[in-house]
């Protein structure tokens, strides 16, 4: 009887623990602002990002997904920031001029570091292309 009760208790506790889900990891980068403007076959992107992680990020590269109506990605283009190292809590501006993808009406921001590791991005968009 005791053995059965102990077994049921262990089983109940393990089932309760199985329902707990891991909390999502916090973002590495936060997009503070972003805007895009068309002119002469180019898109000018401007904005600011913040390193919201606890570690510096080496060689931050921003990855822009340009989307057609219906949020279908038509192309992806990349651009780095001026700072080689973005310190924890630090902010950086970006100013880029990229080729205008046809049919693109909005974009979203992703990020990788110099090692090619995908970074988690808070407030990635989508942002309209004006």
C-alpha atoms as a PDB file:
ATOM      1  CA  UNK A   1       0.000   0.000   0.000  1.00  0.00           C
ATOM      2  CA  UNK A   2       2.763   2.430   0.927  1.00  0.00           C
ATOM      3  CA  UNK A   3       4.670   1.460  -2.161  1.00  0.00           C
ATOM      4  CA  UNK A   4       1.669   2.138  -4.397  1.00  0.00           C
ATOM      5  CA  UNK A   5       1.026   5.495  -2.696  1.00  0.00           C
ATOM      6  CA  UNK A   6       4.666   6.502  -3.084  1.00  0.00           C
ATOM      7  CA  UNK A   7       4.628   5.477  -6.742  1.00  0.00           C
ATOM      8  CA  UNK A   8       1.454   7.487  -7.405  1.00  0.00           C
ATOM      9  CA  UNK A   9       2.956  10.514  -5.631  1.00  0.00           C
ATOM     10  CA  UNK A  10       6.120  10.360  -7.738  1.00  0.00           C
ATOM     11  CA  UNK A  11       4.055   9.956 -10.899  1.00  0.00           C
ATOM     12  CA  UNK A  12       1.828  12.938 -10.017  1.00  0.00           C
ATOM     13  CA  UNK A  13       4.829  15.157  -9.258  1.00  0.00           C
ATOM     14  CA  UNK A  14       6.524  14.225 -12.527  1.00  0.00           C
ATOM     15  CA  UNK A  15       3.375  15.069 -14.490  1.00  0.00           C
ATOM     16  CA  UNK A  16       3.130  18.452 -12.781  1.00  0.00           C
ATOM     17  CA  UNK A  17       6.746  19.199 -13.663  1.00  0.00           C
ATOM     18  CA  UNK A  18       6.201  18.182 -17.285  1.00  0.00           C
ATOM     19  CA  UNK A  19       3.617  20.942 -17.774  1.00  0.00           C
ATOM     20  CA  UNK A  20       6.129  23.696 -17.037  1.00  0.00           C
ATOM     21  CA  UNK A  21       7.479  25.283 -20.170  1.00  0.00           C
ATOM     22  CA  UNK A  22      10.828  26.980 -20.396  1.00  0.00           C
ATOM     23  CA  UNK A  23      10.661  30.739 -20.444  1.00  0.00           C
ATOM     24  CA  UNK A  24      11.717  32.147 -23.818  1.00  0.00           C
ATOM     25  CA  UNK A  25      15.198  33.607 -23.904  1.00  0.00           C
ATOM     26  CA  UNK A  26      15.351  37.394 -23.880  1.00  0.00           C
ATOM     27  CA  UNK A  27      16.179  39.196 -27.131  1.00  0.00           C
ATOM     28  CA  UNK A  28      19.769  40.047 -28.056  1.00  0.00           C
ATOM     29  CA  UNK A  29      18.883  43.107 -30.145  1.00  0.00           C
ATOM     30  CA  UNK A  30      15.992  45.550 -29.929  1.00  0.00           C
ATOM     31  CA  UNK A  31      14.974  47.705 -32.889  1.00  0.00           C
ATOM     32  CA  UNK A  32      14.314  51.170 -31.445  1.00  0.00           C
ATOM     33  CA  UNK A  33      13.318  52.770 -34.739  1.00  0.00           C
ATOM     34  CA  UNK A  34      13.456  51.961 -38.437  1.00  0.00           C
ATOM     35  CA  UNK A  35      12.305  53.692 -41.608  1.00  0.00           C
ATOM     36  CA  UNK A  36      12.714  53.173 -45.346  1.00  0.00           C
ATOM     37  CA  UNK A  37      12.340  55.610 -48.242  1.00  0.00           C
ATOM     38  CA  UNK A  38      12.417  54.913 -51.996  1.00  0.00           C
ATOM     39  CA  UNK A  39      14.391  57.028 -54.446  1.00  0.00           C
ATOM     40  CA  UNK A  40      16.003  56.362 -57.843  1.00  0.00           C
ATOM     41  CA  UNK A  41      15.835  52.564 -57.706  1.00  0.00           C
ATOM     42  CA  UNK A  42      17.282  52.463 -54.197  1.00  0.00           C
ATOM     43  CA  UNK A  43      15.859  52.124 -50.707  1.00  0.00           C
ATOM     44  CA  UNK A  44      17.403  54.202 -47.940  1.00  0.00           C
ATOM     45  CA  UNK A  45      17.151  52.555 -44.532  1.00  0.00           C
ATOM     46  CA  UNK A  46      17.730  54.464 -41.315  1.00  0.00           C
ATOM     47  CA  UNK A  47      17.206  53.497 -37.715  1.00  0.00           C
ATOM     48  CA  UNK A  48      18.631  52.595 -34.341  1.00  0.00           C
ATOM     49  CA  UNK A  49      19.185  49.318 -32.505  1.00  0.00           C
ATOM     50  CA  UNK A  50      20.123  48.480 -28.920  1.00  0.00           C
ATOM     51  CA  UNK A  51      22.109  45.534 -27.581  1.00  0.00           C
ATOM     52  CA  UNK A  52      19.659  44.232 -24.983  1.00  0.00           C
ATOM     53  CA  UNK A  53      21.796  41.223 -24.041  1.00  0.00           C
ATOM     54  CA  UNK A  54      24.297  41.071 -21.209  1.00  0.00           C
ATOM     55  CA  UNK A  55      27.265  40.519 -23.531  1.00  0.00           C
ATOM     56  CA  UNK A  56      28.921  42.660 -26.205  1.00  0.00           C
ATOM     57  CA  UNK A  57      28.127  41.693 -29.800  1.00  0.00           C
ATOM     58  CA  UNK A  58      31.046  41.454 -32.243  1.00  0.00           C
ATOM     59  CA  UNK A  59      30.431  42.410 -35.871  1.00  0.00           C
ATOM     60  CA  UNK A  60      26.669  42.960 -35.784  1.00  0.00           C
ATOM     61  CA  UNK A  61      25.097  42.488 -39.228  1.00  0.00           C
ATOM     62  CA  UNK A  62      21.498  43.530 -39.817  1.00  0.00           C
ATOM     63  CA  UNK A  63      19.486  41.354 -42.196  1.00  0.00           C
ATOM     64  CA  UNK A  64      16.529  43.016 -43.917  1.00  0.00           C
ATOM     65  CA  UNK A  65      13.688  40.871 -45.294  1.00  0.00           C
ATOM     66  CA  UNK A  66      11.752  42.856 -47.915  1.00  0.00           C
ATOM     67  CA  UNK A  67       8.158  41.716 -48.270  1.00  0.00           C
ATOM     68  CA  UNK A  68       5.488  42.035 -50.958  1.00  0.00           C
ATOM     69  CA  UNK A  69       1.803  42.456 -50.093  1.00  0.00           C
ATOM     70  CA  UNK A  70       0.685  39.468 -48.037  1.00  0.00           C
ATOM     71  CA  UNK A  71       4.046  39.483 -46.209  1.00  0.00           C
ATOM     72  CA  UNK A  72       5.730  37.227 -48.750  1.00  0.00           C
ATOM     73  CA  UNK A  73       9.524  37.732 -48.586  1.00  0.00           C
ATOM     74  CA  UNK A  74      10.794  38.745 -52.028  1.00  0.00           C
ATOM     75  CA  UNK A  75      14.458  39.304 -51.134  1.00  0.00           C
ATOM     76  CA  UNK A  76      16.859  39.593 -48.237  1.00  0.00           C
ATOM     77  CA  UNK A  77      19.720  42.083 -48.046  1.00  0.00           C
ATOM     78  CA  UNK A  78      22.352  42.648 -45.364  1.00  0.00           C
ATOM     79  CA  UNK A  79      24.281  45.558 -43.949  1.00  0.00           C
ATOM     80  CA  UNK A  80      26.585  46.090 -40.988  1.00  0.00           C
ATOM     81  CA  UNK A  81      26.718  48.852 -38.427  1.00  0.00           C
ATOM     82  CA  UNK A  82      29.736  51.132 -38.040  1.00  0.00           C
ATOM     83  CA  UNK A  83      30.743  49.910 -34.576  1.00  0.00           C
ATOM     84  CA  UNK A  84      32.881  46.742 -34.533  1.00  0.00           C
ATOM     85  CA  UNK A  85      31.656  45.889 -31.038  1.00  0.00           C
ATOM     86  CA  UNK A  86      28.249  46.852 -29.670  1.00  0.00           C
ATOM     87  CA  UNK A  87      28.555  46.832 -25.880  1.00  0.00           C
ATOM     88  CA  UNK A  88      25.834  45.440 -23.631  1.00  0.00           C
ATOM     89  CA  UNK A  89      23.115  48.079 -23.377  1.00  0.00           C
ATOM     90  CA  UNK A  90      24.759  50.108 -26.142  1.00  0.00           C
ATOM     91  CA  UNK A  91      22.914  51.693 -29.051  1.00  0.00           C
ATOM     92  CA  UNK A  92      23.944  52.061 -32.677  1.00  0.00           C
ATOM     93  CA  UNK A  93      22.480  53.867 -35.666  1.00  0.00           C
ATOM     94  CA  UNK A  94      22.300  52.401 -39.134  1.00  0.00           C
ATOM     95  CA  UNK A  95      22.157  54.223 -42.461  1.00  0.00           C
ATOM     96  CA  UNK A  96      22.129  52.078 -45.587  1.00  0.00           C
ATOM     97  CA  UNK A  97      21.250  52.400 -49.219  1.00  0.00           C
ATOM     98  CA  UNK A  98      20.224  49.114 -50.794  1.00  0.00           C
ATOM     99  CA  UNK A  99      18.856  48.047 -54.175  1.00  0.00           C
ATOM    100  CA  UNK A 100      15.087  48.439 -54.369  1.00  0.00           C
ATOM    101  CA  UNK A 101      13.409  45.054 -54.600  1.00  0.00           C
ATOM    102  CA  UNK A 102      10.406  44.958 -56.928  1.00  0.00           C
ATOM    103  CA  UNK A 103       6.969  44.732 -55.264  1.00  0.00           C
ATOM    104  CA  UNK A 104       8.390  45.310 -51.754  1.00  0.00           C
ATOM    105  CA  UNK A 105       6.034  47.333 -49.546  1.00  0.00           C
ATOM    106  CA  UNK A 106       7.461  46.600 -46.084  1.00  0.00           C
ATOM    107  CA  UNK A 107      10.500  45.112 -44.365  1.00  0.00           C
ATOM    108  CA  UNK A 108      11.518  43.425 -41.145  1.00  0.00           C
ATOM    109  CA  UNK A 109      14.865  43.352 -39.339  1.00  0.00           C
ATOM    110  CA  UNK A 110      16.836  40.278 -38.288  1.00  0.00           C
ATOM    111  CA  UNK A 111      20.417  40.122 -37.048  1.00  0.00           C
ATOM    112  CA  UNK A 112      23.507  37.906 -36.973  1.00  0.00           C
ATOM    113  CA  UNK A 113      26.900  38.325 -35.345  1.00  0.00           C
ATOM    114  CA  UNK A 114      30.285  37.993 -37.046  1.00  0.00           C
ATOM    115  CA  UNK A 115      30.267  34.243 -36.417  1.00  0.00           C
ATOM    116  CA  UNK A 116      26.969  33.888 -38.324  1.00  0.00           C
ATOM    117  CA  UNK A 117      24.933  33.136 -35.182  1.00  0.00           C
ATOM    118  CA  UNK A 118      21.295  34.228 -35.507  1.00  0.00           C
ATOM    119  CA  UNK A 119      20.390  36.768 -32.833  1.00  0.00           C
ATOM    120  CA  UNK A 120      16.954  37.142 -31.268  1.00  0.00           C
ATOM    121  CA  UNK A 121      15.401  40.480 -32.253  1.00  0.00           C
ATOM    122  CA  UNK A 122      12.741  42.406 -30.319  1.00  0.00           C
ATOM    123  CA  UNK A 123      10.368  44.634 -32.309  1.00  0.00           C
ATOM    124  CA  UNK A 124      11.627  43.444 -35.711  1.00  0.00           C
ATOM    125  CA  UNK A 125       8.755  45.018 -37.647  1.00  0.00           C
ATOM    126  CA  UNK A 126       7.349  44.856 -40.248  1.00  0.00           C
ATOM    127  CA  UNK A 127       7.924  48.493 -41.119  1.00  0.00           C
ATOM    128  CA  UNK A 128       6.395  50.224 -44.186  1.00  0.00           C
ATOM    129  CA  UNK A 129       8.495  51.373 -47.135  1.00  0.00           C
ATOM    130  CA  UNK A 130       7.536  54.925 -48.011  1.00  0.00           C
END
